[in-house]
Amino acid sequence: MTNKNPYNDILNLMSRKTDERLPTYFYFGTVTAGDDKEKQIINVGGIEYKSNENELMRANGIRIETGEKVLLISLDNGQSMIILCRVEKM
């Protein structure tokens, strides 16, 4: 995964002073390959997002394990996802 801080993109989007509305979508996903694997994969509605293809970003310190549920946000219409947090109960 990239070392870029993914939250910077969220702050940039929120600080824009424009009348146009940019689509921002929140998603729930299931971790199909967690940190114990070479690449991390999260399934979101049947689409797999993979860390080695720059489709997944997260802040340092967030660990994900296979089988966990996570909350994600996409700032680019679903092309890539930022892991916001793990979801304890749904």
PDB file of N, CA and C in Angstrom:
ATOM      1  N   MET A   1       0.837  -1.166   0.000  1.00  0.00           N
ATOM      2  CA  MET A   1       0.000   0.000   0.000  1.00  0.00           C
ATOM      3  C   MET A   1       0.889   1.239   0.000  1.00  0.00           C
ATOM      4  N   THR A   2       0.352   2.285  -0.505  1.00  0.00           N
ATOM      5  CA  THR A   2       1.103   3.527  -0.614  1.00  0.00           C
ATOM      6  C   THR A   2       1.273   4.199   0.753  1.00  0.00           C
ATOM      7  N   ASN A   3       2.341   4.972   0.904  1.00  0.00           N
ATOM      8  CA  ASN A   3       2.593   5.674   2.155  1.00  0.00           C
ATOM      9  C   ASN A   3       1.946   7.046   2.182  1.00  0.00           C
ATOM     10  N   LYS A   4       1.304   7.444   1.108  1.00  0.00           N
ATOM     11  CA  LYS A   4       0.614   8.727   1.040  1.00  0.00           C
ATOM     12  C   LYS A   4      -0.534   8.731   2.056  1.00  0.00           C
ATOM     13  N   ASN A   5      -0.723   9.858   2.720  1.00  0.00           N
ATOM     14  CA  ASN A   5      -1.807   9.958   3.692  1.00  0.00           C
ATOM     15  C   ASN A   5      -3.134  10.122   2.950  1.00  0.00           C
ATOM     16  N   PRO A   6      -3.999   9.117   2.973  1.00  0.00           N
ATOM     17  CA  PRO A   6      -5.243   9.184   2.203  1.00  0.00           C
ATOM     18  C   PRO A   6      -6.218  10.232   2.703  1.00  0.00           C
ATOM     19  N   TYR A   7      -6.083  10.651   3.950  1.00  0.00           N
ATOM     20  CA  TYR A   7      -7.020  11.620   4.504  1.00  0.00           C
ATOM     21  C   TYR A   7      -6.809  13.016   3.925  1.00  0.00           C
ATOM     22  N   ASN A   8      -5.652  13.272   3.343  1.00  0.00           N
ATOM     23  CA  ASN A   8      -5.422  14.565   2.690  1.00  0.00           C
ATOM     24  C   ASN A   8      -6.412  14.794   1.554  1.00  0.00           C
ATOM     25  N   ASP A   9      -6.706  13.745   0.778  1.00  0.00           N
ATOM     26  CA  ASP A   9      -7.669  13.872  -0.318  1.00  0.00           C
ATOM     27  C   ASP A   9      -9.057  14.217   0.203  1.00  0.00           C
ATOM     28  N   ILE A  10      -9.436  13.626   1.335  1.00  0.00           N
ATOM     29  CA  ILE A  10     -10.745  13.925   1.920  1.00  0.00           C
ATOM     30  C   ILE A  10     -10.800  15.384   2.354  1.00  0.00           C
ATOM     31  N   LEU A  11      -9.743  15.843   3.020  1.00  0.00           N
ATOM     32  CA  LEU A  11      -9.714  17.237   3.468  1.00  0.00           C
ATOM     33  C   LEU A  11      -9.716  18.202   2.290  1.00  0.00           C
ATOM     34  N   ASN A  12      -8.994  17.880   1.231  1.00  0.00           N
ATOM     35  CA  ASN A  12      -8.990  18.733   0.033  1.00  0.00           C
ATOM     36  C   ASN A  12     -10.383  18.819  -0.575  1.00  0.00           C
ATOM     37  N   LEU A  13     -11.077  17.702  -0.641  1.00  0.00           N
ATOM     38  CA  LEU A  13     -12.429  17.688  -1.195  1.00  0.00           C
ATOM     39  C   LEU A  13     -13.369  18.534  -0.351  1.00  0.00           C
ATOM     40  N   MET A  14     -13.262  18.412   0.970  1.00  0.00           N
ATOM     41  CA  MET A  14     -14.150  19.151   1.863  1.00  0.00           C
ATOM     42  C   MET A  14     -13.856  20.647   1.871  1.00  0.00           C
ATOM     43  N   SER A  15     -12.625  21.034   1.587  1.00  0.00           N
ATOM     44  CA  SER A  15     -12.261  22.446   1.655  1.00  0.00           C
ATOM     45  C   SER A  15     -12.494  23.202   0.351  1.00  0.00           C
ATOM     46  N   ARG A  16     -12.870  22.512  -0.693  1.00  0.00           N
ATOM     47  CA  ARG A  16     -13.133  23.185  -1.967  1.00  0.00           C
ATOM     48  C   ARG A  16     -14.321  24.121  -1.834  1.00  0.00           C
ATOM     49  N   LYS A  17     -14.136  25.330  -2.324  1.00  0.00           N
ATOM     50  CA  LYS A  17     -15.219  26.317  -2.273  1.00  0.00           C
ATOM     51  C   LYS A  17     -15.754  26.487  -3.691  1.00  0.00           C
ATOM     52  N   THR A  18     -16.640  25.600  -4.050  1.00  0.00           N
ATOM     53  CA  THR A  18     -17.205  25.612  -5.385  1.00  0.00           C
ATOM     54  C   THR A  18     -18.669  25.220  -5.307  1.00  0.00           C
ATOM     55  N   ASP A  19     -19.414  25.585  -6.314  1.00  0.00           N
ATOM     56  CA  ASP A  19     -20.830  25.240  -6.353  1.00  0.00           C
ATOM     57  C   ASP A  19     -21.068  23.853  -6.938  1.00  0.00           C
ATOM     58  N   GLU A  20     -20.065  23.301  -7.609  1.00  0.00           N
ATOM     59  CA  GLU A  20     -20.277  21.982  -8.207  1.00  0.00           C
ATOM     60  C   GLU A  20     -20.250  20.917  -7.120  1.00  0.00           C
ATOM     61  N   ARG A  21     -21.059  19.922  -7.286  1.00  0.00           N
ATOM     62  CA  ARG A  21     -21.116  18.829  -6.321  1.00  0.00           C
ATOM     63  C   ARG A  21     -20.330  17.660  -6.877  1.00  0.00           C
ATOM     64  N   LEU A  22     -19.310  17.267  -6.166  1.00  0.00           N
ATOM     65  CA  LEU A  22     -18.525  16.104  -6.547  1.00  0.00           C
ATOM     66  C   LEU A  22     -19.085  14.878  -5.842  1.00  0.00           C
ATOM     67  N   PRO A  23     -19.233  13.784  -6.558  1.00  0.00           N
ATOM     68  CA  PRO A  23     -19.772  12.590  -5.905  1.00  0.00           C
ATOM     69  C   PRO A  23     -18.771  12.011  -4.906  1.00  0.00           C
ATOM     70  N   THR A  24     -19.237  11.775  -3.707  1.00  0.00           N
ATOM     71  CA  THR A  24     -18.455  11.105  -2.679  1.00  0.00           C
ATOM     72  C   THR A  24     -19.295   9.953  -2.161  1.00  0.00           C
ATOM     73  N   TYR A  25     -18.748   8.789  -2.196  1.00  0.00           N
ATOM     74  CA  TYR A  25     -19.522   7.614  -1.829  1.00  0.00           C
ATOM     75  C   TYR A  25     -18.834   6.835  -0.722  1.00  0.00           C
ATOM     76  N   PHE A  26     -19.632   6.372   0.218  1.00  0.00           N
ATOM     77  CA  PHE A  26     -19.161   5.503   1.290  1.00  0.00           C
ATOM     78  C   PHE A  26     -19.603   4.080   0.982  1.00  0.00           C
ATOM     79  N   TYR A  27     -18.752   3.118   1.275  1.00  0.00           N
ATOM     80  CA  TYR A  27     -19.028   1.717   0.975  1.00  0.00           C
ATOM     81  C   TYR A  27     -18.651   0.843   2.167  1.00  0.00           C
ATOM     82  N   PHE A  28     -19.342  -0.273   2.292  1.00  0.00           N
ATOM     83  CA  PHE A  28     -18.936  -1.327   3.207  1.00  0.00           C
ATOM     84  C   PHE A  28     -18.260  -2.402   2.382  1.00  0.00           C
ATOM     85  N   GLY A  29     -17.205  -2.968   2.900  1.00  0.00           N
ATOM     86  CA  GLY A  29     -16.502  -4.029   2.197  1.00  0.00           C
ATOM     87  C   GLY A  29     -16.104  -5.134   3.150  1.00  0.00           C
ATOM     88  N   THR A  30     -15.745  -6.272   2.574  1.00  0.00           N
ATOM     89  CA  THR A  30     -15.276  -7.418   3.336  1.00  0.00           C
ATOM     90  C   THR A  30     -13.842  -7.711   2.929  1.00  0.00           C
ATOM     91  N   VAL A  31     -12.983  -7.856   3.917  1.00  0.00           N
ATOM     92  CA  VAL A  31     -11.572  -8.138   3.656  1.00  0.00           C
ATOM     93  C   VAL A  31     -11.448  -9.607   3.261  1.00  0.00           C
ATOM     94  N   THR A  32     -11.023  -9.861   2.024  1.00  0.00           N
ATOM     95  CA  THR A  32     -10.824 -11.242   1.574  1.00  0.00           C
ATOM     96  C   THR A  32      -9.370 -11.670   1.686  1.00  0.00           C
ATOM     97  N   ALA A  33      -8.454 -10.718   1.815  1.00  0.00           N
ATOM     98  CA  ALA A  33      -7.037 -11.004   2.079  1.00  0.00           C
ATOM     99  C   ALA A  33      -6.508  -9.862   2.939  1.00  0.00           C
ATOM    100  N   GLY A  34      -6.189 -10.177   4.182  1.00  0.00           N
ATOM    101  CA  GLY A  34      -5.759  -9.161   5.128  1.00  0.00           C
ATOM    102  C   GLY A  34      -4.259  -8.947   5.145  1.00  0.00           C
ATOM    103  N   ASP A  35      -3.785  -8.341   6.229  1.00  0.00           N
ATOM    104  CA  ASP A  35      -2.373  -7.999   6.356  1.00  0.00           C
ATOM    105  C   ASP A  35      -1.462  -9.216   6.446  1.00  0.00           C
ATOM    106  N   ASP A  36      -2.030 -10.388   6.705  1.00  0.00           N
ATOM    107  CA  ASP A  36      -1.215 -11.593   6.762  1.00  0.00           C
ATOM    108  C   ASP A  36      -0.874 -12.120   5.360  1.00  0.00           C
ATOM    109  N   LYS A  37      -1.411 -11.513   4.326  1.00  0.00           N
ATOM    110  CA  LYS A  37      -1.138 -11.914   2.938  1.00  0.00           C
ATOM    111  C   LYS A  37      -0.205 -10.909   2.276  1.00  0.00           C
ATOM    112  N   GLU A  38       0.374 -11.296   1.141  1.00  0.00           N
ATOM    113  CA  GLU A  38       1.300 -10.416   0.416  1.00  0.00           C
ATOM    114  C   GLU A  38       0.594  -9.171  -0.100  1.00  0.00           C
ATOM    115  N   LYS A  39      -0.603  -9.352  -0.631  1.00  0.00           N
ATOM    116  CA  LYS A  39      -1.398  -8.204  -1.073  1.00  0.00           C
ATOM    117  C   LYS A  39      -2.753  -8.270  -0.374  1.00  0.00           C
ATOM    118  N   GLN A  40      -3.284  -7.098  -0.075  1.00  0.00           N
ATOM    119  CA  GLN A  40      -4.564  -7.018   0.605  1.00  0.00           C
ATOM    120  C   GLN A  40      -5.656  -6.831  -0.449  1.00  0.00           C
ATOM    121  N   ILE A  41      -6.788  -7.516  -0.221  1.00  0.00           N
ATOM    122  CA  ILE A  41      -7.921  -7.452  -1.148  1.00  0.00           C
ATOM    123  C   ILE A  41      -9.188  -7.218  -0.340  1.00  0.00           C
ATOM    124  N   ILE A  42     -10.006  -6.278  -0.808  1.00  0.00           N
ATOM    125  CA  ILE A  42     -11.294  -6.010  -0.169  1.00  0.00           C
ATOM    126  C   ILE A  42     -12.381  -6.120  -1.234  1.00  0.00           C
ATOM    127  N   ASN A  43     -13.404  -6.891  -0.912  1.00  0.00           N
ATOM    128  CA  ASN A  43     -14.535  -7.090  -1.810  1.00  0.00           C
ATOM    129  C   ASN A  43     -15.613  -6.083  -1.462  1.00  0.00           C
ATOM    130  N   VAL A  44     -15.991  -5.273  -2.452  1.00  0.00           N
ATOM    131  CA  VAL A  44     -17.045  -4.270  -2.276  1.00  0.00           C
ATOM    132  C   VAL A  44     -18.099  -4.538  -3.344  1.00  0.00           C
ATOM    133  N   GLY A  45     -19.204  -5.123  -2.935  1.00  0.00           N
ATOM    134  CA  GLY A  45     -20.295  -5.394  -3.865  1.00  0.00           C
ATOM    135  C   GLY A  45     -19.888  -6.254  -5.047  1.00  0.00           C
ATOM    136  N   GLY A  46     -19.015  -7.228  -4.825  1.00  0.00           N
ATOM    137  CA  GLY A  46     -18.580  -8.122  -5.894  1.00  0.00           C
ATOM    138  C   GLY A  46     -17.353  -7.645  -6.659  1.00  0.00           C
ATOM    139  N   ILE A  47     -16.885  -6.447  -6.378  1.00  0.00           N
ATOM    140  CA  ILE A  47     -15.684  -5.913  -7.030  1.00  0.00           C
ATOM    141  C   ILE A  47     -14.531  -5.992  -6.043  1.00  0.00           C
ATOM    142  N   GLU A  48     -13.403  -6.553  -6.499  1.00  0.00           N
ATOM    143  CA  GLU A  48     -12.241  -6.675  -5.626  1.00  0.00           C
ATOM    144  C   GLU A  48     -11.284  -5.515  -5.846  1.00  0.00           C
ATOM    145  N   TYR A  49     -10.909  -4.864  -4.751  1.00  0.00           N
ATOM    146  CA  TYR A  49      -9.926  -3.784  -4.767  1.00  0.00           C
ATOM    147  C   TYR A  49      -8.650  -4.321  -4.149  1.00  0.00           C
ATOM    148  N   LYS A  50      -7.525  -4.151  -4.874  1.00  0.00           N
ATOM    149  CA  LYS A  50      -6.262  -4.763  -4.476  1.00  0.00           C
ATOM    150  C   LYS A  50      -5.209  -3.713  -4.161  1.00  0.00           C
ATOM    151  N   SER A  51      -4.454  -3.987  -3.103  1.00  0.00           N
ATOM    152  CA  SER A  51      -3.433  -3.036  -2.655  1.00  0.00           C
ATOM    153  C   SER A  51      -2.292  -2.912  -3.659  1.00  0.00           C
ATOM    154  N   ASN A  52      -1.923  -3.994  -4.318  1.00  0.00           N
ATOM    155  CA  ASN A  52      -0.774  -3.935  -5.221  1.00  0.00           C
ATOM    156  C   ASN A  52      -1.100  -3.245  -6.544  1.00  0.00           C
ATOM    157  N   GLU A  53      -2.330  -2.886  -6.764  1.00  0.00           N
ATOM    158  CA  GLU A  53      -2.724  -2.179  -7.987  1.00  0.00           C
ATOM    159  C   GLU A  53      -3.128  -0.736  -7.683  1.00  0.00           C
ATOM    160  N   ASN A  54      -2.711  -0.243  -6.525  1.00  0.00           N
ATOM    161  CA  ASN A  54      -3.003   1.130  -6.082  1.00  0.00           C
ATOM    162  C   ASN A  54      -4.493   1.429  -6.040  1.00  0.00           C
ATOM    163  N   GLU A  55      -5.292   0.416  -5.761  1.00  0.00           N
ATOM    164  CA  GLU A  55      -6.738   0.602  -5.637  1.00  0.00           C
ATOM    165  C   GLU A  55      -7.159   0.794  -4.185  1.00  0.00           C
ATOM    166  N   LEU A  56      -6.261   0.504  -3.253  1.00  0.00           N
ATOM    167  CA  LEU A  56      -6.550   0.632  -1.831  1.00  0.00           C
ATOM    168  C   LEU A  56      -5.537   1.546  -1.165  1.00  0.00           C
ATOM    169  N   MET A  57      -6.031   2.412  -0.295  1.00  0.00           N
ATOM    170  CA  MET A  57      -5.167   3.263   0.508  1.00  0.00           C
ATOM    171  C   MET A  57      -5.685   3.232   1.932  1.00  0.00           C
ATOM    172  N   ARG A  58      -4.794   3.549   2.862  1.00  0.00           N
ATOM    173  CA  ARG A  58      -5.199   3.636   4.266  1.00  0.00           C
ATOM    174  C   ARG A  58      -4.129   4.386   5.038  1.00  0.00           C
ATOM    175  N   ALA A  59      -4.528   4.903   6.160  1.00  0.00           N
ATOM    176  CA  ALA A  59      -3.570   5.585   7.030  1.00  0.00           C
ATOM    177  C   ALA A  59      -2.702   4.548   7.723  1.00  0.00           C
ATOM    178  N   ASN A  60      -1.490   4.954   8.059  1.00  0.00           N
ATOM    179  CA  ASN A  60      -0.614   4.066   8.816  1.00  0.00           C
ATOM    180  C   ASN A  60      -1.274   3.693  10.129  1.00  0.00           C
ATOM    181  N   GLY A  61      -1.109   2.454  10.536  1.00  0.00           N
ATOM    182  CA  GLY A  61      -1.643   2.011  11.814  1.00  0.00           C
ATOM    183  C   GLY A  61      -2.942   1.242  11.720  1.00  0.00           C
ATOM    184  N   ILE A  62      -3.662   1.347  10.620  1.00  0.00           N
ATOM    185  CA  ILE A  62      -4.897   0.578  10.462  1.00  0.00           C
ATOM    186  C   ILE A  62      -4.520  -0.815   9.960  1.00  0.00           C
ATOM    187  N   ARG A  63      -4.841  -1.814  10.758  1.00  0.00           N
ATOM    188  CA  ARG A  63      -4.589  -3.201  10.363  1.00  0.00           C
ATOM    189  C   ARG A  63      -5.908  -3.857   9.993  1.00  0.00           C
ATOM    190  N   ILE A  64      -5.865  -4.686   8.967  1.00  0.00           N
ATOM    191  CA  ILE A  64      -7.065  -5.403   8.545  1.00  0.00           C
ATOM    192  C   ILE A  64      -6.764  -6.895   8.500  1.00  0.00           C
ATOM    193  N   GLU A  65      -7.752  -7.672   8.919  1.00  0.00           N
ATOM    194  CA  GLU A  65      -7.623  -9.121   8.948  1.00  0.00           C
ATOM    195  C   GLU A  65      -8.687  -9.729   8.043  1.00  0.00           C
ATOM    196  N   THR A  66      -8.373 -10.859   7.458  1.00  0.00           N
ATOM    197  CA  THR A  66      -9.298 -11.564   6.580  1.00  0.00           C
ATOM    198  C   THR A  66     -10.614 -11.827   7.304  1.00  0.00           C
ATOM    199  N   GLY A  67     -11.725 -11.501   6.629  1.00  0.00           N
ATOM    200  CA  GLY A  67     -13.063 -11.716   7.178  1.00  0.00           C
ATOM    201  C   GLY A  67     -13.672 -10.490   7.832  1.00  0.00           C
ATOM    202  N   GLU A  68     -12.880  -9.469   8.121  1.00  0.00           N
ATOM    203  CA  GLU A  68     -13.409  -8.272   8.767  1.00  0.00           C
ATOM    204  C   GLU A  68     -14.232  -7.433   7.799  1.00  0.00           C
ATOM    205  N   LYS A  69     -15.137  -6.660   8.357  1.00  0.00           N
ATOM    206  CA  LYS A  69     -15.899  -5.670   7.599  1.00  0.00           C
ATOM    207  C   LYS A  69     -15.213  -4.324   7.778  1.00  0.00           C
ATOM    208  N   VAL A  70     -15.178  -3.520   6.714  1.00  0.00           N
ATOM    209  CA  VAL A  70     -14.548  -2.207   6.774  1.00  0.00           C
ATOM    210  C   VAL A  70     -15.444  -1.175   6.103  1.00  0.00           C
ATOM    211  N   LEU A  71     -15.266   0.084   6.512  1.00  0.00           N
ATOM    212  CA  LEU A  71     -15.942   1.216   5.891  1.00  0.00           C
ATOM    213  C   LEU A  71     -14.925   1.911   5.007  1.00  0.00           C
ATOM    214  N   LEU A  72     -15.309   2.156   3.759  1.00  0.00           N
ATOM    215  CA  LEU A  72     -14.416   2.783   2.799  1.00  0.00           C
ATOM    216  C   LEU A  72     -15.064   4.012   2.192  1.00  0.00           C
ATOM    217  N   ILE A  73     -14.245   4.856   1.598  1.00  0.00           N
ATOM    218  CA  ILE A  73     -14.735   6.012   0.862  1.00  0.00           C
ATOM    219  C   ILE A  73     -14.007   6.043  -0.471  1.00  0.00           C
ATOM    220  N   SER A  74     -14.709   6.448  -1.510  1.00  0.00           N
ATOM    221  CA  SER A  74     -14.104   6.622  -2.828  1.00  0.00           C
ATOM    222  C   SER A  74     -14.282   8.071  -3.253  1.00  0.00           C
ATOM    223  N   LEU A  75     -13.185   8.693  -3.632  1.00  0.00           N
ATOM    224  CA  LEU A  75     -13.232  10.079  -4.091  1.00  0.00           C
ATOM    225  C   LEU A  75     -13.143  10.184  -5.599  1.00  0.00           C
ATOM    226  N   ASP A  76     -13.053   9.032  -6.274  1.00  0.00           N
ATOM    227  CA  ASP A  76     -12.881   9.028  -7.726  1.00  0.00           C
ATOM    228  C   ASP A  76     -13.849   8.067  -8.418  1.00  0.00           C
ATOM    229  N   ASN A  77     -15.091   8.083  -7.964  1.00  0.00           N
ATOM    230  CA  ASN A  77     -16.152   7.272  -8.572  1.00  0.00           C
ATOM    231  C   ASN A  77     -15.844   5.782  -8.596  1.00  0.00           C
ATOM    232  N   GLY A  78     -15.267   5.279  -7.513  1.00  0.00           N
ATOM    233  CA  GLY A  78     -15.062   3.842  -7.388  1.00  0.00           C
ATOM    234  C   GLY A  78     -13.806   3.297  -8.023  1.00  0.00           C
ATOM    235  N   GLN A  79     -12.927   4.142  -8.509  1.00  0.00           N
ATOM    236  CA  GLN A  79     -11.683   3.650  -9.110  1.00  0.00           C
ATOM    237  C   GLN A  79     -10.701   3.173  -8.038  1.00  0.00           C
ATOM    238  N   SER A  80     -10.719   3.818  -6.888  1.00  0.00           N
ATOM    239  CA  SER A  80      -9.879   3.406  -5.767  1.00  0.00           C
ATOM    240  C   SER A  80     -10.643   3.676  -4.480  1.00  0.00           C
ATOM    241  N   MET A  81     -10.201   3.033  -3.402  1.00  0.00           N
ATOM    242  CA  MET A  81     -10.887   3.148  -2.117  1.00  0.00           C
ATOM    243  C   MET A  81      -9.893   3.520  -1.029  1.00  0.00           C
ATOM    244  N   ILE A  82     -10.384   4.274  -0.066  1.00  0.00           N
ATOM    245  CA  ILE A  82      -9.622   4.595   1.136  1.00  0.00           C
ATOM    246  C   ILE A  82     -10.306   3.874   2.296  1.00  0.00           C
ATOM    247  N   ILE A  83      -9.551   3.076   3.019  1.00  0.00           N
ATOM    248  CA  ILE A  83     -10.090   2.385   4.180  1.00  0.00           C
ATOM    249  C   ILE A  83     -10.178   3.391   5.326  1.00  0.00           C
ATOM    250  N   LEU A  84     -11.386   3.635   5.809  1.00  0.00           N
ATOM    251  CA  LEU A  84     -11.577   4.575   6.918  1.00  0.00           C
ATOM    252  C   LEU A  84     -11.435   3.907   8.265  1.00  0.00           C
ATOM    253  N   CYS A  85     -12.082   2.734   8.416  1.00  0.00           N
ATOM    254  CA  CYS A  85     -12.032   2.043   9.695  1.00  0.00           C
ATOM    255  C   CYS A  85     -12.603   0.645   9.558  1.00  0.00           C
ATOM    256  N   ARG A  86     -12.369  -0.156  10.583  1.00  0.00           N
ATOM    257  CA  ARG A  86     -13.012  -1.467  10.664  1.00  0.00           C
ATOM    258  C   ARG A  86     -14.399  -1.274  11.267  1.00  0.00           C
ATOM    259  N   VAL A  87     -15.327  -2.118  10.871  1.00  0.00           N
ATOM    260  CA  VAL A  87     -16.696  -2.044  11.386  1.00  0.00           C
ATOM    261  C   VAL A  87     -16.884  -3.189  12.358  1.00  0.00           C
ATOM    262  N   GLU A  88     -17.209  -2.873  13.604  1.00  0.00           N
ATOM    263  CA  GLU A  88     -17.370  -3.892  14.633  1.00  0.00           C
ATOM    264  C   GLU A  88     -18.695  -4.633  14.501  1.00  0.00           C
ATOM    265  N   LYS A  89     -19.801  -3.893  14.301  1.00  0.00           N
ATOM    266  CA  LYS A  89     -21.125  -4.515  14.171  1.00  0.00           C
ATOM    267  C   LYS A  89     -21.890  -3.826  13.055  1.00  0.00           C
ATOM    268  N   MET A  90     -22.634  -4.617  12.296  1.00  0.00           N
ATOM    269  CA  MET A  90     -23.463  -4.064  11.235  1.00  0.00           C
ATOM    270  C   MET A  90     -24.887  -4.487  11.451  1.00  0.00           C
TER     271      MET A  90
END
